[in-house]
Protein backbone atom coordinates (compact mmCIF):
# COMPACT_ATOMS: atom_id res chain seq x y z
CA MET A 1 101.63 35.09 106.22
CA TRP A 2 103.54 38.09 107.60
CA TYR A 3 105.60 38.45 104.39
CA ASP A 4 102.43 38.98 102.31
CA ASP A 5 101.96 42.36 103.98
CA PRO A 6 103.52 45.11 101.75
CA TYR A 7 104.31 47.23 104.81
CA GLU A 8 106.22 44.41 106.49
CA GLU A 9 108.10 43.61 103.30
CA CYS A 10 109.10 47.25 102.82
CA TYR A 11 110.05 47.56 106.48
CA ASP A 12 112.24 44.46 106.32
CA TRP A 13 113.94 45.53 103.08
CA PHE A 14 114.69 48.94 104.56
CA TRP A 15 116.50 47.48 107.55
CA GLN A 16 118.30 44.88 105.46
CA SER A 17 119.57 47.45 102.95
CA LEU A 18 121.09 49.82 105.52
CA GLY A 19 124.40 48.00 105.39
CA GLU A 20 124.62 48.21 101.60
CA ASP A 21 125.94 51.77 101.37
CA ASN A 22 127.52 52.73 98.09
CA THR A 23 131.02 54.11 98.47
CA LEU A 24 132.86 56.26 95.98
CA SER A 25 136.59 56.22 95.44
CA LYS A 26 138.78 59.00 96.79
CA ASP A 27 139.94 59.82 93.24
CA PHE A 28 136.36 60.25 92.05
CA LEU A 29 135.45 62.49 94.99
CA GLU A 30 138.57 64.61 94.47
CA HIS A 31 137.69 64.93 90.78
CA LEU A 32 134.21 66.16 91.68
CA GLN A 33 135.68 68.63 94.15
CA ARG A 34 138.05 70.01 91.48
CA MET A 35 135.12 70.38 89.07
CA VAL A 36 133.11 72.34 91.65
CA GLU A 37 136.10 74.58 92.39
CA ASP A 38 136.63 75.21 88.66
CA VAL A 39 132.98 76.23 88.21
CA GLN A 40 132.96 78.43 91.31
CA SER A 41 136.20 80.19 90.33
CA GLY A 42 134.98 80.85 86.79
CA LYS A 43 137.68 78.68 85.20
CA VAL A 44 134.91 76.68 83.50
CA LYS A 45 132.19 78.61 81.71
CA THR A 46 128.66 77.57 82.58
CA TYR A 47 125.38 78.35 80.88
CA PRO A 48 121.95 78.81 82.45
CA LEU A 49 119.71 75.85 81.69
CA GLU A 50 116.91 78.14 80.54
CA ASP A 51 119.15 79.63 77.83
CA VAL A 52 120.25 76.22 76.61
CA MET A 53 116.67 74.93 76.49
CA GLU A 54 115.50 78.03 74.60
CA GLU A 55 118.30 77.60 72.07
CA LEU A 56 117.42 73.92 71.59
CA LYS A 57 113.77 74.82 71.16
CA GLN A 58 114.65 77.37 68.50
CA MET A 59 116.91 74.89 66.72
CA THR A 60 114.18 72.24 66.59
CA GLU A 61 111.60 74.75 65.41
CA ASP A 62 113.94 75.78 62.60
CA GLU A 63 114.28 72.15 61.51
CA ASP A 64 110.50 71.71 61.41
CA THR A 65 110.04 74.53 58.90
């Protein structure tokens, strides 16, 4: 049968799912925009991921000893 073909099944699901877009509320999008503006302006302090990971690594090593 045609529906036993994985390609055909994937192809059909792709076209069927196009109309199922997720939408986000205006309030949520405005909140995200404010967060980005706060980070870009320096209002909110950020930390490089590498520094945070190094600190966590050191903390876990200290607990092991």
